[in-house]
Protein backbone atom coordinates (compact mmCIF):
# COMPACT_ATOMS: atom_id res chain seq x y z
CA MET A 1 -19.40 7.71 8.22
CA ILE A 2 -16.50 5.83 10.41
CA HIS A 3 -17.76 3.51 13.32
CA THR A 4 -14.87 2.83 15.90
CA TRP A 5 -14.90 -0.02 18.47
CA LYS A 6 -12.47 -0.81 21.20
CA LEU A 7 -12.62 -4.47 21.96
CA THR A 8 -12.00 -7.29 24.71
CA LYS A 9 -12.49 -11.10 24.15
CA THR A 10 -16.30 -10.73 24.68
CA LYS A 11 -17.66 -7.40 23.61
CA ALA A 12 -16.76 -4.53 21.41
CA ASP A 13 -17.49 -0.80 22.90
CA GLU A 14 -18.47 1.45 20.20
CA LEU A 15 -16.09 5.14 20.26
CA ARG A 16 -16.68 8.48 19.49
CA PHE A 17 -14.28 11.18 18.74
CA ASP A 18 -14.19 14.76 17.91
CA ASP A 19 -12.72 14.16 14.27
CA GLU A 20 -14.20 11.45 12.70
CA SER A 21 -13.37 12.77 9.09
CA SER A 22 -10.97 9.59 8.05
CA LEU A 23 -9.42 6.62 9.45
CA ASP A 24 -5.95 8.61 9.96
CA ALA A 25 -7.98 11.48 11.78
CA ILE A 26 -9.27 8.71 14.11
CA THR A 27 -5.78 6.87 14.69
CA GLY A 28 -4.54 10.20 15.51
CA GLN A 29 -6.60 10.86 18.43
CA LEU A 30 -5.59 7.18 19.96
CA PRO A 31 -2.75 6.29 21.66
CA ASP A 32 0.48 5.20 19.74
CA GLY A 33 0.89 1.80 18.68
CA TRP A 34 0.59 -0.45 15.54
CA TYR A 35 -1.80 -0.89 12.80
CA SER A 36 -2.99 -2.63 9.19
CA THR A 37 -5.43 -1.31 6.91
CA PHE A 38 -7.21 -3.47 4.14
CA ARG A 39 -10.27 -3.92 2.50
CA THR A 40 -13.04 -6.60 2.21
CA TYR A 41 -13.93 -8.79 -0.57
CA ASP A 42 -16.75 -11.18 -1.63
CA ALA A 43 -19.76 -9.26 0.58
CA GLY A 44 -17.19 -8.40 3.68
CA THR A 45 -16.29 -12.27 3.90
CA ARG A 46 -12.96 -12.33 3.11
CA VAL A 47 -9.69 -10.48 3.21
CA ILE A 48 -6.38 -10.71 0.91
CA GLY A 49 -3.79 -11.41 3.39
CA LEU A 50 -5.62 -10.89 6.22
CA SER A 51 -3.39 -13.17 8.44
CA ALA A 52 -0.36 -11.12 7.67
CA HIS A 53 -2.18 -8.03 8.37
CA LEU A 54 -3.23 -9.27 12.01
CA LYS A 55 0.47 -10.08 12.37
CA ARG A 56 1.29 -6.39 12.36
CA LEU A 57 -0.59 -6.05 15.98
CA PRO A 58 2.42 -7.87 18.04
CA HIS A 59 0.09 -8.79 21.01
CA MET A 60 -3.70 -9.50 19.73
CA ASP A 61 -5.91 -12.57 20.08
CA ALA A 62 -6.35 -13.81 16.05
CA ALA A 63 -9.30 -15.64 16.66
CA SER A 64 -10.90 -13.39 18.76
CA LEU A 65 -10.29 -10.52 16.73
CA ARG A 66 -11.77 -12.61 13.35
CA ARG A 67 -14.81 -13.05 15.76
CA HIS A 68 -15.48 -9.47 16.10
CA LEU A 69 -14.54 -8.31 12.52
CA LEU A 70 -17.33 -10.70 11.36
CA LEU A 71 -20.02 -9.37 13.79
CA LEU A 72 -18.92 -5.70 13.32
CA LEU A 73 -18.69 -6.27 9.19
CA GLU A 74 -22.64 -7.73 9.24
CA PRO A 75 -24.16 -3.87 8.53
CA TYR A 76 -21.95 -3.31 5.84
CA ARG A 77 -22.81 -6.45 3.75
CA PRO A 78 -23.77 -6.98 0.81
CA GLY A 79 -21.47 -3.90 0.24
CA GLU A 80 -17.73 -4.08 0.81
CA ALA A 81 -15.68 -1.88 3.72
CA ARG A 82 -12.39 -0.89 4.53
CA VAL A 83 -10.96 -1.62 8.11
CA ARG A 84 -8.22 -0.74 9.94
CA VAL A 85 -7.34 -2.61 13.28
CA MET A 86 -5.04 -0.81 15.12
CA GLU A 87 -3.26 -2.18 18.72
CA SER A 88 -2.38 0.61 21.44
CA LYS A 89 1.19 0.38 23.10
CA PRO A 90 -0.70 -0.19 26.41
CA GLY A 91 -2.04 -3.51 24.49
CA GLN A 92 -5.73 -2.22 23.51
CA ILE A 93 -7.23 -3.26 20.41
CA TYR A 94 -9.50 -1.31 18.14
CA ILE A 95 -11.26 -1.69 14.88
CA SER A 96 -12.31 1.36 12.86
CA ILE A 97 -14.75 0.55 9.75
CA GLU A 98 -16.22 2.54 6.93
CA PRO A 99 -17.97 1.51 3.82
CA LEU A 100 -15.61 1.18 0.87
CA LYS A 101 -15.31 3.82 -1.54
CA PRO A 102 -13.31 2.41 -4.80
CA LEU A 103 -11.16 4.75 -6.32
CA PRO A 104 -12.54 6.09 -9.97
CA ARG A 105 -12.08 3.83 -12.86
CA GLU A 106 -10.21 6.53 -14.24
CA VAL A 107 -7.53 6.60 -11.76
CA TYR A 108 -6.79 2.66 -12.95
CA GLU A 109 -6.86 3.78 -16.71
CA LYS A 110 -5.08 7.08 -16.52
CA GLY A 111 -2.88 6.66 -13.92
CA VAL A 112 -1.47 9.20 -11.20
CA ARG A 113 0.93 11.79 -10.54
CA VAL A 114 3.50 11.39 -7.59
CA GLU A 115 5.87 13.31 -6.00
CA THR A 116 8.87 12.38 -3.83
CA THR A 117 9.39 13.56 0.20
CA THR A 118 12.44 13.23 2.53
CA ILE A 119 9.84 11.89 5.20
CA GLN A 120 11.10 8.64 6.78
CA ARG A 121 9.85 5.85 9.11
CA ASN A 122 11.60 5.50 11.97
CA ASP A 123 11.24 1.72 11.83
CA PRO A 124 10.37 1.00 8.26
CA ARG A 125 9.75 -2.42 9.04
CA THR A 126 6.84 -1.74 11.71
CA LYS A 127 3.40 0.01 10.83
CA SER A 128 3.33 2.60 13.52
CA THR A 129 0.80 5.03 14.13
CA ALA A 130 3.13 7.22 14.76
CA PHE A 131 4.24 7.88 11.30
CA ILE A 132 0.49 8.59 10.69
CA SER A 133 0.89 11.90 12.68
CA ALA A 134 4.48 12.51 11.87
CA SER A 135 3.47 12.23 8.02
CA ASN A 136 0.39 14.41 8.32
CA GLU A 137 1.61 17.77 7.09
CA GLU A 138 2.73 15.93 3.97
CA ARG A 139 -0.85 14.43 3.39
CA LYS A 140 -2.47 18.16 3.80
CA HIS A 141 0.25 18.83 0.77
CA LEU A 142 -0.74 16.53 -1.17
CA ALA A 143 -4.43 16.68 -0.86
CA LYS A 144 -4.22 20.61 -1.78
CA GLU A 145 -1.82 19.92 -4.76
CA GLY A 146 -3.96 17.15 -6.22
CA ILE A 147 -1.17 14.52 -6.03
CA PHE A 148 -2.19 10.92 -5.36
CA GLU A 149 0.79 9.78 -3.35
CA ALA A 150 4.29 10.80 -1.99
CA LEU A 151 7.41 8.53 -2.34
CA LEU A 152 9.97 7.99 0.37
CA VAL A 153 13.39 9.07 -0.14
CA LYS A 154 16.56 8.06 1.18
CA ASN A 155 20.24 8.70 0.11
CA ARG A 156 18.47 9.79 -3.19
CA LYS A 157 16.55 6.36 -3.78
CA ILE A 158 13.01 6.04 -3.87
CA LEU A 159 12.14 3.39 -1.34
CA GLU A 160 8.40 3.13 -1.16
CA GLY A 161 5.26 5.10 -0.79
CA MET A 162 4.11 6.91 2.21
CA THR A 163 0.98 4.55 2.15
CA SER A 164 2.08 2.01 -0.45
CA ASN A 165 4.83 0.23 -1.90
CA PHE A 166 6.49 1.46 -5.21
CA PHE A 167 7.62 -0.72 -8.36
CA TYR A 168 9.03 0.28 -11.73
CA ILE A 169 10.32 -1.15 -14.94
CA LEU A 170 13.29 0.26 -16.86
CA ASN A 171 13.54 1.33 -20.39
CA PRO A 172 17.19 -0.42 -21.26
CA ALA A 173 17.70 2.18 -24.00
CA LEU A 174 17.68 5.19 -21.90
CA GLU A 175 19.65 3.46 -18.75
CA ASN A 176 22.76 4.83 -18.01
CA ALA A 177 25.88 2.63 -17.33
CA GLY A 178 26.12 3.86 -13.70
CA TYR A 179 22.61 1.97 -13.00
CA ALA A 180 24.25 -1.60 -14.66
CA ASN A 181 26.89 -1.53 -12.29
CA GLU A 182 24.98 -1.50 -8.54
CA ASN A 183 24.72 -5.46 -8.39
CA MET A 184 23.24 -5.82 -11.74
CA ARG A 185 24.57 -8.88 -13.85
CA SER A 186 24.78 -6.91 -17.09
CA ARG A 187 22.86 -3.75 -19.01
CA ARG A 188 21.97 -6.77 -21.61
CA SER A 189 19.70 -8.47 -18.78
CA LEU A 190 17.85 -4.96 -17.87
CA THR A 191 15.08 -5.92 -20.22
CA PRO A 192 11.30 -3.99 -19.93
CA SER A 193 9.78 -7.67 -18.66
CA VAL A 194 12.03 -7.27 -15.28
CA LEU A 195 9.88 -5.54 -12.39
CA TYR A 196 12.09 -3.76 -9.58
CA THR A 197 11.13 -2.84 -6.46
CA ALA A 198 13.08 -2.05 -2.96
CA ARG A 199 13.73 -4.82 -0.33
CA ASN A 200 15.37 -2.97 2.33
CA ASP A 201 14.17 0.04 4.69
CA ILE A 202 10.82 -0.52 3.62
CA LEU A 203 7.40 -1.87 4.63
CA LEU A 204 7.09 -5.19 3.33
CA GLY A 205 3.45 -4.45 2.32
CA VAL A 206 0.80 -7.46 2.44
CA THR A 207 -0.35 -6.23 -1.37
CA ARG A 208 3.26 -5.96 -2.23
CA THR A 209 3.88 -9.52 -1.72
CA MET A 210 0.89 -10.44 -3.87
CA VAL A 211 1.86 -8.80 -6.65
CA ILE A 212 5.41 -9.95 -6.87
CA ARG A 213 3.65 -13.70 -6.50
CA ALA A 214 1.14 -12.61 -9.34
CA ALA A 215 3.90 -11.13 -11.42
CA ARG A 216 6.14 -14.42 -11.27
CA GLY A 217 2.94 -16.21 -11.98
CA ARG A 218 2.82 -14.27 -15.58
CA GLY A 219 6.73 -15.19 -16.20
CA VAL A 220 7.40 -11.77 -15.27
CA GLU A 221 10.95 -11.52 -13.65
CA VAL A 222 11.25 -9.45 -9.96
CA ARG A 223 14.73 -8.38 -8.82
CA TYR A 224 15.23 -6.13 -5.62
CA SER A 225 16.75 -2.77 -6.03
CA PRO A 226 15.37 0.89 -5.50
CA LEU A 227 15.25 3.33 -7.81
CA LYS A 228 17.88 6.29 -8.09
CA LEU A 229 16.28 9.91 -8.46
CA ASP A 230 18.80 10.62 -11.24
CA GLN A 231 17.57 7.86 -13.14
CA LEU A 232 13.79 8.60 -13.25
CA SER A 233 13.88 8.99 -16.88
CA ALA A 234 15.24 5.46 -17.79
CA VAL A 235 11.68 4.57 -16.13
CA LYS A 236 9.23 2.92 -18.57
CA GLU A 237 6.50 1.89 -16.08
CA ALA A 238 6.17 2.53 -12.90
CA PHE A 239 2.82 1.89 -10.21
CA ILE A 240 2.25 1.45 -6.74
CA THR A 241 0.25 -0.77 -4.24
CA SER A 242 -1.70 -0.73 -1.30
CA SER A 243 -4.23 -3.29 0.09
CA SER A 244 -7.32 -0.80 -0.32
CA ARG A 245 -6.42 0.52 -3.94
CA GLY A 246 -4.68 -2.56 -5.44
CA VAL A 247 -2.23 -1.91 -8.30
CA VAL A 248 -2.26 1.61 -8.87
CA PRO A 249 -0.33 3.19 -12.30
CA VAL A 250 2.01 6.04 -11.84
CA ILE A 251 2.43 8.47 -14.71
CA GLN A 252 4.50 11.10 -13.50
CA ILE A 253 6.93 11.51 -10.61
CA ASP A 254 8.05 14.94 -9.79
CA GLY A 255 7.08 16.61 -13.03
CA VAL A 256 9.11 13.73 -15.06
CA MET A 257 6.72 11.85 -17.14
CA ILE A 258 6.74 8.25 -17.13
CA GLY A 259 6.91 6.00 -20.14
CA GLN A 260 4.09 7.63 -22.63
CA GLY A 261 2.34 9.37 -19.98
CA SER A 262 -0.13 6.41 -19.58
CA PRO A 263 -0.38 3.04 -17.73
CA GLY A 264 2.18 0.56 -19.44
CA LYS A 265 1.22 -2.69 -20.78
CA ILE A 266 2.93 -4.67 -18.26
CA THR A 267 1.74 -2.65 -15.39
CA MET A 268 -2.28 -3.10 -16.86
CA MET A 269 -1.46 -7.08 -17.13
CA LEU A 270 -0.36 -7.09 -13.52
CA MET A 271 -3.05 -4.99 -12.28
CA GLN A 272 -5.51 -7.97 -13.87
CA ALA A 273 -3.22 -10.83 -12.59
CA TYR A 274 -3.24 -9.24 -9.17
CA ASN A 275 -7.75 -8.79 -9.35
CA GLU A 276 -7.67 -12.51 -10.65
CA TYR A 277 -5.17 -13.24 -7.51
CA VAL A 278 -7.52 -11.67 -5.15
CA LEU A 279 -10.35 -13.53 -6.21
CA LYS A 280 -8.80 -16.97 -5.82
CA HIS A 281 -6.53 -16.48 -2.68
CA ALA A 282 -8.60 -14.17 -0.07
CA GLU A 283 -9.05 -15.91 2.96
CA LYS A 284 -12.34 -16.27 5.00
CA ILE A 285 -12.40 -14.46 7.99
């Protein structure tokens, strides 16, 4: 069950809603504003990148919100929770919390199918609650078709996921000549150990930043470039990232198999590297 509170500096008043089926359903019943979603670690006492998550709410009092969060998470311990913090444009702060339901192990072991969509964020750098309502029909479609995520496409380039960031690794043997001409050093430099992700026109996800750091810490070169749709066949590995789900391997995009149709070696290595990074760097609430 999801619980939601409206906060002031001194108290938290619990609210009830007609539809409490999901965090998105609750968010859609609140005034438009900004939000961030994350999971807890270490029996509900730590969060990866918590300071960065809270900065997405432009007017909130971080110290006050942290105090409320510690108290509101108490009933969920020693388990973990999934949390959404929201600020309405009038400046009211809300917190919604639900018990964390980890993805099945097979999602990480076997990977997921995703598809592309032309839905766009009005302001890619801002995590606006209005985007949740705007993408509601796409979310229903994904659920109906059993597709894990939708990837946002602009000018025939994959930028990010609807609720995630997108990474890919190219197979030089399949790469066509056109890709190397787009601000690349040379086709020779495009090796399987180079990790690509978009940098412009996307939400700079907290987990995205952590994965980039973890990748560089393992000697993986990271470059910034969105993937062209007509080069899906050149992708050897791909994965998406989000704060609640971590690193999730992608094995199919729009019906095109990625690599051998199973999570790649670098993806699995980065999944482990990210998990280790989380244990070392998650912030105390």
